[in-house]
Amino acid sequence: FFLYKRNSRTKKLIENEFSVSCDAVVVIKNIIKWLLLLQSLVSFSSVAQMAASVHALNSFSGTIPVELGWLSSLTSLDLSQNVLTGTFPHTLGFLTQVMRLDLSFNAISGEIPEEMGLLKNLILFDLVGNRLKGTIPSALCSNPNINEGATKKFGCDAILCAAGMFSSSGFSSDDSVCQHCPEGKTTLYLGSKECLSFSQRDVLEMFYKIMGGDNWPDALKENWFDPEISECQWGGVTCDSNGVIDSLTFPSN
């Protein structure tokens, strides 16, 4: 009887929490807090049914909680147009019932986990506008249901244009097909809508950041980022007679 009372009271609390969401923002972390509380009070499957759909469009920041993968009955997850960062949680691949997954227009980085290929019921999958790299899992590309069946015609491009390619939408459809960037231009991420031109200095600046240039010996950092000095005179960099970089020398000692 005591357990029943606790369950009823807790279910009432969760109903109140969700009723508030009709008029105010429900932060995902608060939802997870309730789910964790209920885990010890009621069966987890019934908790998952209470959260069959999660939608957010409220400038959420931070990383996507890995705990979202516990919502085994989730059918729709829309976190588009927020400011989410960090990598793509592999646990989202455990949402085997999900049919709609929209993480577009955030700042999610890294690669798309192979586990996402487990989502056989996926119909809408939108990742445009992030900072994703690498390749798209083949199991996603061969899923004939994704994005109105566009994968049957365009394969992986129906999800995101590959690196070095672009389209007006960031993916291939009957209205916009992924194309290779013009010579001298490229893209930084999957799903790009335009190609960019990068100068030698731009590339060196990216090299510096990725390779932890702040920790280099002073001799290798000499002249770096000095606007008055050619990159050909930066530490570790040499150029040919035309000013084109032909050598980078960064030994370990």
Protein backbone atom coordinates (compact mmCIF):
# COMPACT_ATOMS: atom_id res chain seq x y z
CA PHE A 1 0.00 0.00 0.00
CA PHE A 2 2.81 2.41 0.88
CA LEU A 3 4.56 1.73 -2.43
CA TYR A 4 1.30 2.29 -4.28
CA LYS A 5 0.81 5.62 -2.54
CA ARG A 6 4.33 6.69 -3.41
CA ASN A 7 3.83 5.67 -7.02
CA SER A 8 0.54 7.53 -7.29
CA ARG A 9 1.97 10.61 -5.69
CA THR A 10 5.04 10.53 -7.88
CA LYS A 11 2.98 10.02 -11.01
CA LYS A 12 0.89 13.02 -10.00
CA LEU A 13 4.05 15.06 -9.60
CA ILE A 14 5.29 14.06 -13.03
CA GLU A 15 1.91 14.93 -14.53
CA ASN A 16 2.14 18.33 -12.91
CA GLU A 17 5.64 18.76 -14.30
CA PHE A 18 4.45 17.97 -17.80
CA SER A 19 1.36 20.19 -17.46
CA VAL A 20 3.65 23.12 -16.74
CA SER A 21 5.45 22.40 -19.99
CA CYS A 22 2.39 23.56 -21.89
CA ASP A 23 3.07 27.10 -20.74
CA ALA A 24 6.80 27.10 -19.99
CA VAL A 25 10.08 25.56 -21.09
CA VAL A 26 10.80 22.07 -19.77
CA VAL A 27 14.55 21.66 -19.50
CA ILE A 28 15.72 18.21 -20.53
CA LYS A 29 17.76 17.82 -17.37
CA ASN A 30 14.59 18.24 -15.31
CA ILE A 31 12.89 15.51 -17.31
CA ILE A 32 15.82 13.19 -16.68
CA LYS A 33 15.74 14.07 -12.98
CA TRP A 34 12.13 12.90 -12.81
CA LEU A 35 12.89 9.76 -14.74
CA LEU A 36 15.74 8.85 -12.41
CA LEU A 37 13.47 9.45 -9.42
CA LEU A 38 10.76 7.25 -10.86
CA GLN A 39 13.15 4.47 -11.83
CA SER A 40 13.09 3.13 -8.28
CA LEU A 41 9.34 3.55 -7.90
CA VAL A 42 7.70 2.25 -11.06
CA SER A 43 8.67 0.07 -13.97
CA PHE A 44 11.02 1.82 -16.38
CA SER A 45 8.92 0.86 -19.39
CA SER A 46 5.98 2.86 -18.04
CA VAL A 47 8.27 5.83 -17.44
CA ALA A 48 9.45 5.64 -21.03
CA GLN A 49 5.85 5.66 -22.24
CA MET A 50 5.28 8.92 -20.36
CA ALA A 51 8.08 10.44 -22.39
CA ALA A 52 7.18 9.23 -25.86
CA SER A 53 8.12 12.57 -27.38
CA VAL A 54 10.67 15.22 -26.41
CA HIS A 55 10.73 18.56 -28.21
CA ALA A 56 12.95 21.54 -27.47
CA LEU A 57 13.47 24.85 -29.23
CA ASN A 58 14.70 27.06 -26.44
CA SER A 59 18.44 27.71 -26.78
CA PHE A 60 19.47 24.73 -24.68
CA SER A 61 23.23 24.62 -24.27
CA GLY A 62 25.79 22.04 -23.22
CA THR A 63 26.06 18.43 -24.31
CA ILE A 64 23.25 16.00 -25.07
CA PRO A 65 22.70 13.81 -21.98
CA VAL A 66 23.64 10.20 -22.64
CA GLU A 67 20.72 9.23 -20.41
CA LEU A 68 18.30 10.07 -23.21
CA GLY A 69 19.20 6.66 -24.61
CA TRP A 70 17.34 5.11 -21.67
CA LEU A 71 13.96 6.27 -22.99
CA SER A 72 13.29 3.01 -24.76
CA SER A 73 9.80 4.00 -25.96
CA LEU A 74 10.76 7.41 -27.31
CA THR A 75 9.39 7.90 -30.83
CA SER A 76 10.32 11.54 -31.47
CA LEU A 77 13.28 13.66 -30.38
CA ASP A 78 13.55 17.23 -31.66
CA LEU A 79 16.44 19.31 -30.27
CA SER A 80 16.88 21.47 -33.34
CA GLN A 81 17.98 25.12 -33.36
CA ASN A 82 19.60 25.10 -29.94
CA VAL A 83 23.25 25.64 -28.97
CA LEU A 84 24.16 22.07 -28.11
CA THR A 85 27.85 21.20 -28.21
CA GLY A 86 30.04 18.16 -27.62
CA THR A 87 29.98 14.91 -29.51
CA PHE A 88 27.08 12.80 -30.74
CA PRO A 89 26.09 10.39 -27.89
CA HIS A 90 26.25 6.79 -29.06
CA THR A 91 23.40 5.97 -26.66
CA LEU A 92 20.91 7.63 -29.01
CA GLY A 93 21.38 4.51 -31.09
CA PHE A 94 19.50 2.61 -28.37
CA LEU A 95 16.28 4.52 -29.13
CA THR A 96 15.10 1.72 -31.37
CA GLN A 97 11.50 3.00 -31.48
CA VAL A 98 12.37 6.53 -32.57
CA MET A 99 10.95 7.61 -35.92
CA ARG A 100 11.82 11.32 -35.88
CA LEU A 101 15.26 12.56 -34.81
CA ASP A 102 16.06 16.22 -35.44
CA LEU A 103 19.34 17.64 -34.09
CA SER A 104 19.79 20.23 -36.82
CA PHE A 105 21.37 23.66 -36.36
CA ASN A 106 23.41 23.07 -33.23
CA ALA A 107 27.18 22.83 -32.77
CA ILE A 108 27.52 19.06 -32.32
CA SER A 109 30.96 17.85 -33.37
CA GLY A 110 32.78 14.58 -34.04
CA GLU A 111 31.41 11.66 -36.01
CA ILE A 112 28.01 9.99 -36.28
CA PRO A 113 28.19 6.83 -34.10
CA GLU A 114 27.82 3.44 -35.77
CA GLU A 115 25.07 2.66 -33.25
CA MET A 116 22.76 5.01 -35.14
CA GLY A 117 22.47 2.30 -37.75
CA LEU A 118 20.34 0.37 -35.25
CA LEU A 119 17.45 2.79 -35.71
CA LYS A 120 15.44 0.77 -38.21
CA ASN A 121 12.22 2.75 -37.59
CA LEU A 122 13.81 6.10 -38.39
CA ILE A 123 11.83 8.11 -40.94
CA LEU A 124 13.09 11.68 -40.42
CA PHE A 125 16.78 12.23 -39.61
CA ASP A 126 18.06 15.82 -39.74
CA LEU A 127 21.62 16.75 -38.74
CA VAL A 128 22.21 19.78 -40.98
CA GLY A 129 23.98 22.76 -39.46
CA ASN A 130 26.36 20.96 -37.11
CA ARG A 131 30.12 20.38 -37.09
CA LEU A 132 30.14 16.71 -37.96
CA LYS A 133 32.99 15.00 -39.79
CA GLY A 134 33.95 11.53 -40.96
CA THR A 135 31.59 9.18 -42.75
CA ILE A 136 27.94 8.31 -42.26
CA PRO A 137 27.30 4.75 -41.00
CA SER A 138 26.43 2.52 -43.95
CA ALA A 139 23.43 1.06 -42.11
CA LEU A 140 21.85 4.52 -42.10
CA CYS A 141 22.57 5.09 -45.77
CA SER A 142 20.92 1.80 -46.71
CA ASN A 143 17.80 2.38 -44.58
CA PRO A 144 15.09 2.81 -47.26
CA ASN A 145 12.74 4.73 -44.97
CA ILE A 146 14.88 7.71 -43.99
CA ASN A 147 13.85 11.16 -45.22
CA GLU A 148 10.89 10.00 -47.26
CA GLY A 149 12.88 7.19 -48.82
CA ALA A 150 15.48 9.52 -50.32
CA THR A 151 18.25 7.14 -49.26
CA LYS A 152 17.05 4.68 -51.90
CA LYS A 153 17.95 7.23 -54.57
CA PHE A 154 20.79 9.25 -53.05
CA GLY A 155 22.33 6.94 -50.43
CA CYS A 156 24.34 8.72 -47.74
CA ASP A 157 23.88 12.07 -49.50
CA ALA A 158 20.20 11.94 -48.53
CA ILE A 159 21.33 12.40 -44.93
CA LEU A 160 24.24 14.85 -45.31
CA CYS A 161 26.50 15.94 -48.14
CA ALA A 162 29.97 14.46 -47.75
CA ALA A 163 33.09 16.52 -47.06
CA GLY A 164 34.09 18.54 -50.10
CA MET A 165 30.49 18.61 -51.35
CA PHE A 166 27.55 20.94 -50.86
CA SER A 167 23.92 21.62 -51.72
CA SER A 168 21.47 24.41 -50.92
CA SER A 169 19.90 22.21 -48.23
CA GLY A 170 23.00 20.40 -46.99
CA PHE A 171 21.77 17.03 -48.32
CA SER A 172 20.44 15.51 -51.53
CA SER A 173 16.78 15.55 -52.49
CA ASP A 174 14.79 15.92 -55.69
CA ASP A 175 15.09 19.68 -55.26
CA SER A 176 18.79 19.93 -54.39
CA VAL A 177 21.58 17.44 -55.10
CA CYS A 178 25.01 17.36 -53.42
CA GLN A 179 27.73 18.61 -55.76
CA HIS A 180 31.51 18.71 -55.56
CA CYS A 181 32.98 22.05 -54.55
CA PRO A 182 34.61 24.09 -57.33
CA GLU A 183 38.37 23.85 -57.65
CA GLY A 184 40.13 25.80 -54.92
CA LYS A 185 37.22 25.53 -52.51
CA THR A 186 36.14 22.93 -49.94
CA THR A 187 33.96 22.41 -46.86
CA LEU A 188 34.78 21.96 -43.21
CA TYR A 189 31.88 19.74 -42.17
CA LEU A 190 29.32 17.24 -43.41
CA GLY A 191 26.09 18.76 -44.66
CA SER A 192 27.55 22.03 -45.89
CA LYS A 193 25.42 24.48 -47.85
CA GLU A 194 28.35 26.32 -49.40
CA CYS A 195 32.01 25.86 -50.19
CA LEU A 196 34.76 28.02 -48.76
CA SER A 197 38.10 29.27 -49.95
CA PHE A 198 41.02 28.90 -47.56
CA SER A 199 44.28 30.75 -47.84
CA GLN A 200 47.60 29.26 -46.73
CA ARG A 201 47.34 31.37 -43.61
CA ASP A 202 43.85 30.02 -42.84
CA VAL A 203 45.13 26.46 -43.12
CA LEU A 204 48.12 27.18 -40.89
CA GLU A 205 45.86 28.77 -38.29
CA MET A 206 43.71 25.63 -38.23
CA PHE A 207 46.87 23.50 -38.04
CA TYR A 208 48.07 25.55 -35.06
CA LYS A 209 44.80 25.15 -33.20
CA ILE A 210 44.41 21.42 -33.86
CA MET A 211 48.03 20.64 -33.02
CA GLY A 212 48.01 22.57 -29.75
CA GLY A 213 50.25 25.36 -30.94
CA ASP A 214 50.05 27.23 -27.64
CA ASN A 215 52.23 24.49 -26.17
CA TRP A 216 54.90 24.54 -28.89
CA PRO A 217 58.45 25.68 -28.08
CA ASP A 218 58.95 29.41 -28.58
CA ALA A 219 61.23 28.81 -31.59
CA LEU A 220 58.40 27.08 -33.49
CA LYS A 221 55.90 29.81 -32.60
CA GLU A 222 58.17 32.56 -33.90
CA ASN A 223 56.27 35.10 -36.03
CA TRP A 224 53.04 33.07 -36.00
CA PHE A 225 49.96 35.26 -36.52
CA ASP A 226 52.00 38.41 -36.96
CA PRO A 227 49.98 40.32 -39.60
CA GLU A 228 53.08 42.13 -40.81
CA ILE A 229 55.07 38.96 -41.54
CA SER A 230 54.45 36.45 -44.33
CA GLU A 231 53.50 32.95 -43.23
CA CYS A 232 56.56 31.79 -45.15
CA GLN A 233 58.60 33.28 -42.32
CA TRP A 234 56.67 31.64 -39.51
CA GLY A 235 58.51 29.12 -37.37
CA GLY A 236 58.64 25.64 -38.95
CA VAL A 237 57.29 26.89 -42.31
CA THR A 238 59.18 27.19 -45.60
CA CYS A 239 57.92 28.21 -49.04
CA ASP A 240 59.08 27.91 -52.63
CA SER A 241 60.11 30.87 -54.79
CA ASN A 242 56.44 31.61 -55.54
CA GLY A 243 55.50 31.90 -51.89
CA VAL A 244 53.70 28.54 -51.82
CA ILE A 245 54.27 26.46 -48.70
CA ASP A 246 56.32 23.40 -49.55
CA SER A 247 57.55 22.25 -46.14
CA LEU A 248 56.41 22.06 -42.54
CA THR A 249 59.07 21.05 -40.02
CA PHE A 250 57.88 20.22 -36.52
CA PRO A 251 60.15 17.52 -35.07
CA SER A 252 59.34 16.04 -31.68
CA ASN A 253 62.59 17.28 -30.17
